[in-house]
Amino acid sequence: MRPLALAVLLPLTALASPLASRALAGTRPPARPRLAACPALPAPSGALSFRPGEELDFSLDAMGAQAGKLSLKVLPEKGGLIPVRAQVSSNTFFSKIRRARGVATTYLNPKTLHPTRYEEDSTENDVHRTADVRFSRAQRVVNIHFTVNGAPGRRTLRTAPDALDAASAIYLMRQLPLRQDTQFCFDSYGIRTVWRVTGKVVGREHISLPLGEFDAWHLDGQAVRVDNPSQHRDLHIWVSDDARRLPLVAVGAIDLGAVRATLTRYNRPGEKPRAAHAEAARDLTW
């Protein structure tokens, strides 16, 4: 799920050129890249904020225009793991610039919320890519088998104590204790390589969306490519400050400029589904 998809699943995989991250209005200019050492994340605690059947839909905005949709769904347990599926597609307008569609599934350990396996299948314009990624937390490596237009390849890369993918990072961060100035560090797989993600909780903010009013935690960070630290990107995420811990907004960048994913609908077992008014969601601007 190359640049549009992964950049907005969670803008951890940093898919843009160095200049693209400057397109994020109001963000700091790129700092000198630094590959930080990573202490282990705290273990998830308490009841999970999500369960099988939860569906989250996001509107994607690129270059100030609606670009497509992203959907996340927690699937029924399989082999003692929690699968989470992500699907993305560009709309008719954005497909004239870049046609993208893809599906990815991450398989989470229900106790640690770390992935054991991550699979993706995507097409960008006429390039078809697949990846089958296996995580070994004990050995601190990821084993990557991939194809690009049918041509196979493989890599084994070392990681920090916590190694995630873009989708699993969303669900683990929803479960961690969030307090102002709390710092985080982990590695994230993306585009056949690994990115070191560091940041902190900026604070608690109130945000207004077409979906409603929310008190949220603002997470601010940076992703640095482990094998090439000159590539680094800013990221911003807002997570609701309630028991649901909904990922409300994620801001990242691709080579075309700023990309935002905004939650427009959620459906959670035992709750009434909630969706933004169609007109409000369509007219959303940044």
Protein backbone atom coordinates (compact mmCIF):
# COMPACT_ATOMS: atom_id res chain seq x y z
CA MET A 1 0.00 0.00 0.00
CA ARG A 2 2.47 2.58 -1.21
CA PRO A 3 2.41 6.16 -0.83
CA LEU A 4 -1.21 7.22 -0.41
CA ALA A 5 -2.25 4.22 1.66
CA LEU A 6 0.54 3.86 4.13
CA ALA A 7 1.00 7.59 4.53
CA VAL A 8 -2.48 7.92 5.92
CA LEU A 9 -2.98 4.59 7.68
CA LEU A 10 -0.64 6.22 10.10
CA PRO A 11 1.92 8.66 8.77
CA LEU A 12 4.69 6.64 10.36
CA THR A 13 6.15 5.16 7.25
CA ALA A 14 7.17 8.54 5.88
CA LEU A 15 6.62 8.16 2.18
CA ALA A 16 7.42 11.63 0.86
CA SER A 17 10.50 13.34 -0.48
CA PRO A 18 12.40 15.51 2.04
CA LEU A 19 10.68 18.64 0.74
CA ALA A 20 7.20 17.15 1.03
CA SER A 21 7.14 17.17 4.82
CA ARG A 22 7.47 20.98 4.68
CA ALA A 23 4.03 21.06 3.07
CA LEU A 24 2.50 20.35 6.49
CA ALA A 25 1.24 23.79 7.40
CA GLY A 26 2.30 24.90 10.84
CA THR A 27 4.80 22.09 11.47
CA ARG A 28 8.41 22.69 12.38
CA PRO A 29 11.07 22.65 9.64
CA PRO A 30 12.94 19.34 9.33
CA ALA A 31 15.45 18.93 12.12
CA ARG A 32 18.79 17.27 11.67
CA PRO A 33 18.00 13.55 11.37
CA ARG A 34 18.86 11.44 14.36
CA LEU A 35 18.38 7.72 14.89
CA ALA A 36 17.28 7.60 18.51
CA ALA A 37 17.78 4.63 20.82
CA CYS A 38 14.46 3.02 21.69
CA PRO A 39 13.46 1.89 25.18
CA ALA A 40 10.65 -0.65 25.24
CA LEU A 41 7.08 0.62 25.24
CA PRO A 42 4.94 -0.04 28.33
CA ALA A 43 2.74 -3.11 28.15
CA PRO A 44 -0.91 -2.49 27.20
CA SER A 45 -3.19 -2.49 30.23
CA GLY A 46 -6.89 -2.57 30.97
CA ALA A 47 -9.76 -3.69 28.78
CA LEU A 48 -9.20 -3.32 25.06
CA SER A 49 -10.68 -0.16 23.55
CA PHE A 50 -11.74 -2.19 20.49
CA ARG A 51 -13.00 -5.66 19.70
CA PRO A 52 -13.94 -7.78 16.67
CA GLY A 53 -16.55 -6.07 14.53
CA GLU A 54 -15.34 -2.51 15.04
CA GLU A 55 -15.28 -0.55 11.77
CA LEU A 56 -13.61 2.84 11.23
CA ASP A 57 -13.97 4.85 8.00
CA PHE A 58 -11.75 7.80 7.09
CA SER A 59 -11.89 10.47 4.43
CA LEU A 60 -8.55 11.12 2.74
CA ASP A 61 -7.56 14.65 1.78
CA ALA A 62 -4.53 15.39 -0.41
CA MET A 63 -3.44 18.73 -1.81
CA GLY A 64 -6.58 20.32 -0.33
CA ALA A 65 -8.99 18.02 -2.18
CA GLN A 66 -10.82 14.81 -1.36
CA ALA A 67 -8.59 11.96 -2.52
CA GLY A 68 -10.22 8.72 -1.41
CA LYS A 69 -11.26 6.55 1.50
CA LEU A 70 -9.60 4.38 4.12
CA SER A 71 -11.38 1.71 6.15
CA LEU A 72 -10.14 -0.27 9.17
CA LYS A 73 -11.97 -3.33 10.49
CA VAL A 74 -11.22 -5.63 13.42
CA LEU A 75 -11.93 -9.19 12.24
CA PRO A 76 -12.88 -12.25 14.34
CA GLU A 77 -10.01 -13.96 16.14
CA LYS A 78 -8.06 -16.41 13.99
CA GLY A 79 -5.56 -18.86 15.44
CA GLY A 80 -5.49 -16.96 18.72
CA LEU A 81 -4.65 -13.68 16.96
CA ILE A 82 -6.68 -10.53 16.25
CA PRO A 83 -6.65 -9.68 12.52
CA VAL A 84 -7.14 -6.03 11.55
CA ARG A 85 -7.82 -5.27 7.89
CA ALA A 86 -7.10 -1.95 6.21
CA GLN A 87 -8.48 -1.06 2.78
CA VAL A 88 -7.76 2.09 0.80
CA SER A 89 -8.81 3.42 -2.59
CA SER A 90 -8.40 6.71 -4.42
CA ASN A 91 -11.50 8.43 -5.75
CA THR A 92 -12.19 9.31 -9.39
CA PHE A 93 -10.64 12.77 -9.08
CA PHE A 94 -7.40 11.71 -7.42
CA SER A 95 -7.05 8.67 -9.70
CA LYS A 96 -6.30 11.09 -12.54
CA ILE A 97 -3.19 12.08 -10.58
CA ARG A 98 -2.39 8.79 -8.87
CA ARG A 99 -4.57 5.70 -8.99
CA ALA A 100 -4.17 3.67 -5.82
CA ARG A 101 -5.99 0.79 -4.17
CA GLY A 102 -4.88 -1.83 -1.70
CA VAL A 103 -5.66 -4.07 1.23
CA ALA A 104 -3.46 -4.97 4.20
CA THR A 105 -4.01 -7.25 7.19
CA THR A 106 -2.04 -7.27 10.41
CA TYR A 107 -2.33 -10.13 12.94
CA LEU A 108 -2.07 -8.93 16.55
CA ASN A 109 -1.12 -10.83 19.67
CA PRO A 110 -4.15 -10.14 21.94
CA LYS A 111 -1.97 -9.64 25.04
CA THR A 112 0.83 -7.46 23.65
CA LEU A 113 -0.95 -6.02 20.56
CA HIS A 114 2.29 -6.56 18.64
CA PRO A 115 1.98 -8.00 15.13
CA THR A 116 3.20 -11.47 14.34
CA ARG A 117 2.51 -11.13 10.62
CA TYR A 118 1.57 -8.37 8.19
CA GLU A 119 0.34 -8.87 4.61
CA GLU A 120 -0.38 -6.31 1.94
CA ASP A 121 -1.47 -6.29 -1.69
CA SER A 122 -1.62 -2.97 -3.53
CA THR A 123 -1.62 -1.40 -6.95
CA GLU A 124 -0.40 2.12 -7.67
CA ASN A 125 -1.06 3.14 -11.27
CA ASP A 126 0.32 0.07 -13.11
CA VAL A 127 2.68 -1.19 -10.39
CA HIS A 128 1.47 -4.18 -8.36
CA ARG A 129 3.17 -4.88 -5.03
CA THR A 130 2.77 -7.54 -2.36
CA ALA A 131 4.48 -8.10 0.98
CA ASP A 132 4.45 -10.86 3.58
CA VAL A 133 6.20 -9.66 6.73
CA ARG A 134 6.96 -11.87 9.75
CA PHE A 135 7.91 -10.29 13.08
CA SER A 136 10.21 -12.00 15.59
CA ARG A 137 10.07 -9.99 18.81
CA ALA A 138 12.48 -12.32 20.62
CA GLN A 139 15.15 -12.00 17.92
CA ARG A 140 14.29 -8.35 17.12
CA VAL A 141 14.07 -8.90 13.37
CA VAL A 142 11.49 -8.66 10.62
CA ASN A 143 11.60 -11.09 7.70
CA ILE A 144 10.18 -9.53 4.55
CA HIS A 145 9.11 -11.40 1.40
CA PHE A 146 7.85 -9.08 -1.32
CA THR A 147 7.07 -8.82 -5.02
CA VAL A 148 7.03 -5.85 -7.42
CA ASN A 149 5.13 -6.66 -10.61
CA GLY A 150 5.78 -10.32 -9.90
CA ALA A 151 9.52 -10.01 -9.33
CA PRO A 152 10.28 -11.49 -5.88
CA GLY A 153 12.64 -10.28 -3.20
CA ARG A 154 13.39 -10.79 0.46
CA ARG A 155 15.05 -8.94 3.33
CA THR A 156 15.77 -9.52 7.01
CA LEU A 157 16.11 -6.35 9.07
CA ARG A 158 16.94 -5.77 12.72
CA THR A 159 14.56 -3.70 14.85
CA ALA A 160 14.11 -1.93 18.17
CA PRO A 161 12.44 -3.81 21.07
CA ASP A 162 9.04 -2.85 19.65
CA ALA A 163 8.47 -3.49 15.94
CA LEU A 164 5.09 -2.71 14.42
CA ASP A 165 3.47 -1.94 11.11
CA ALA A 166 1.39 1.11 10.26
CA ALA A 167 -1.93 -0.58 11.08
CA SER A 168 -0.87 -2.30 14.31
CA ALA A 169 0.70 0.94 15.55
CA ILE A 170 -2.75 2.55 15.53
CA TYR A 171 -4.26 -0.14 17.74
CA LEU A 172 -1.33 -0.36 20.15
CA MET A 173 -1.22 3.42 20.62
CA ARG A 174 -4.96 3.35 21.37
CA GLN A 175 -4.20 1.05 24.30
CA LEU A 176 -1.19 2.77 25.87
CA PRO A 177 -1.54 5.25 28.75
CA LEU A 178 -1.45 8.78 27.30
CA ARG A 179 -0.38 11.73 29.42
CA GLN A 180 1.15 15.07 28.53
CA ASP A 181 4.86 14.82 27.68
CA THR A 182 4.77 11.01 27.63
CA GLN A 183 7.39 9.90 25.11
CA PHE A 184 7.24 6.94 22.75
CA CYS A 185 9.67 5.14 20.47
CA PHE A 186 9.28 2.09 18.23
CA ASP A 187 10.12 0.77 14.77
CA SER A 188 7.53 0.57 12.00
CA TYR A 189 7.70 -1.54 8.86
CA GLY A 190 6.87 0.28 5.64
CA ILE A 191 7.79 -0.11 1.97
CA ARG A 192 10.22 -2.98 2.44
CA THR A 193 12.21 -1.18 5.13
CA VAL A 194 12.00 -0.05 8.76
CA TRP A 195 11.45 3.45 10.19
CA ARG A 196 12.37 4.59 13.72
CA VAL A 197 9.41 6.50 15.14
CA THR A 198 9.90 8.83 18.10
CA GLY A 199 7.67 11.45 19.64
CA LYS A 200 5.66 12.57 22.60
CA VAL A 201 2.15 13.43 23.72
CA VAL A 202 1.85 17.20 23.22
CA GLY A 203 -1.23 17.53 25.36
CA ARG A 204 -5.00 17.38 25.51
CA GLU A 205 -6.94 19.41 22.93
CA HIS A 206 -10.54 19.91 21.87
CA ILE A 207 -11.18 19.34 18.18
CA SER A 208 -14.28 19.77 16.03
CA LEU A 209 -14.99 17.33 13.21
CA PRO A 210 -18.02 16.71 10.96
CA LEU A 211 -18.44 13.58 13.10
CA GLY A 212 -18.76 15.63 16.30
CA GLU A 213 -16.87 17.33 19.13
CA PHE A 214 -14.04 15.47 20.86
CA ASP A 215 -11.48 15.93 23.59
CA ALA A 216 -8.33 14.33 22.24
CA TRP A 217 -4.68 13.66 22.89
CA HIS A 218 -2.32 15.19 20.33
CA LEU A 219 0.71 13.03 19.50
CA ASP A 220 3.60 14.67 17.70
CA GLY A 221 6.59 12.81 16.32
CA GLN A 222 9.07 12.04 13.60
CA ALA A 223 9.92 8.95 11.56
CA VAL A 224 13.51 8.33 10.44
CA ARG A 225 14.42 5.65 7.95
CA VAL A 226 16.76 3.27 9.78
CA ASP A 227 18.93 2.43 6.76
CA ASN A 228 18.99 6.03 5.52
CA PRO A 229 18.50 8.59 8.33
CA SER A 230 18.57 11.48 5.85
CA GLN A 231 14.97 10.50 5.07
CA HIS A 232 12.77 11.73 7.90
CA ARG A 233 9.18 12.94 8.18
CA ASP A 234 6.95 14.65 10.72
CA LEU A 235 3.70 13.09 11.92
CA HIS A 236 0.69 14.28 13.89
CA ILE A 237 -2.11 12.12 15.35
CA TRP A 238 -5.15 12.90 17.49
CA VAL A 239 -6.72 10.12 19.60
CA SER A 240 -9.99 10.61 21.51
CA ASP A 241 -9.60 10.94 25.28
CA ASP A 242 -12.27 8.42 26.25
CA ALA A 243 -12.69 4.67 26.61
CA ARG A 244 -13.01 4.23 22.83
CA ARG A 245 -9.62 5.82 22.05
CA LEU A 246 -10.75 6.57 18.50
CA PRO A 247 -8.04 7.63 16.02
CA LEU A 248 -9.64 10.89 14.91
CA VAL A 249 -7.11 12.55 12.60
CA ALA A 250 -3.70 11.58 11.19
CA VAL A 251 -1.53 13.98 9.20
CA GLY A 252 1.37 12.89 7.02
CA ALA A 253 2.93 13.60 3.64
CA ILE A 254 3.50 12.00 0.28
CA ASP A 255 5.59 13.31 -2.60
CA LEU A 256 2.60 15.38 -3.74
CA GLY A 257 2.18 17.20 -0.43
CA ALA A 258 0.21 16.99 2.80
CA VAL A 259 -2.22 14.11 3.35
CA ARG A 260 -4.84 13.89 6.11
CA ALA A 261 -7.07 11.05 7.20
CA THR A 262 -10.16 12.18 9.13
CA LEU A 263 -12.55 9.80 10.86
CA THR A 264 -16.01 10.13 9.27
CA ARG A 265 -17.80 7.01 10.54
CA TYR A 266 -17.46 4.35 13.19
CA ASN A 267 -19.45 1.23 13.99
CA ARG A 268 -18.69 -0.53 17.26
CA PRO A 269 -20.38 -3.67 18.61
CA GLY A 270 -23.02 -2.76 21.19
CA GLU A 271 -23.13 0.90 20.14
CA LYS A 272 -25.22 2.81 17.67
CA PRO A 273 -23.23 3.50 14.48
CA ARG A 274 -22.21 7.11 14.06
CA ALA A 275 -21.38 8.90 10.81
CA ALA A 276 -20.66 12.45 9.76
CA HIS A 277 -23.33 14.23 7.76
CA ALA A 278 -22.54 13.64 4.08
CA GLU A 279 -22.45 17.36 3.23
CA ALA A 280 -20.21 18.21 6.18
CA ALA A 281 -17.77 15.42 5.38
CA ARG A 282 -17.58 16.45 1.73
CA ASP A 283 -16.99 20.10 2.56
CA LEU A 284 -14.26 19.44 5.13
CA THR A 285 -11.24 21.66 4.46
CA TRP A 286 -7.94 22.20 6.22
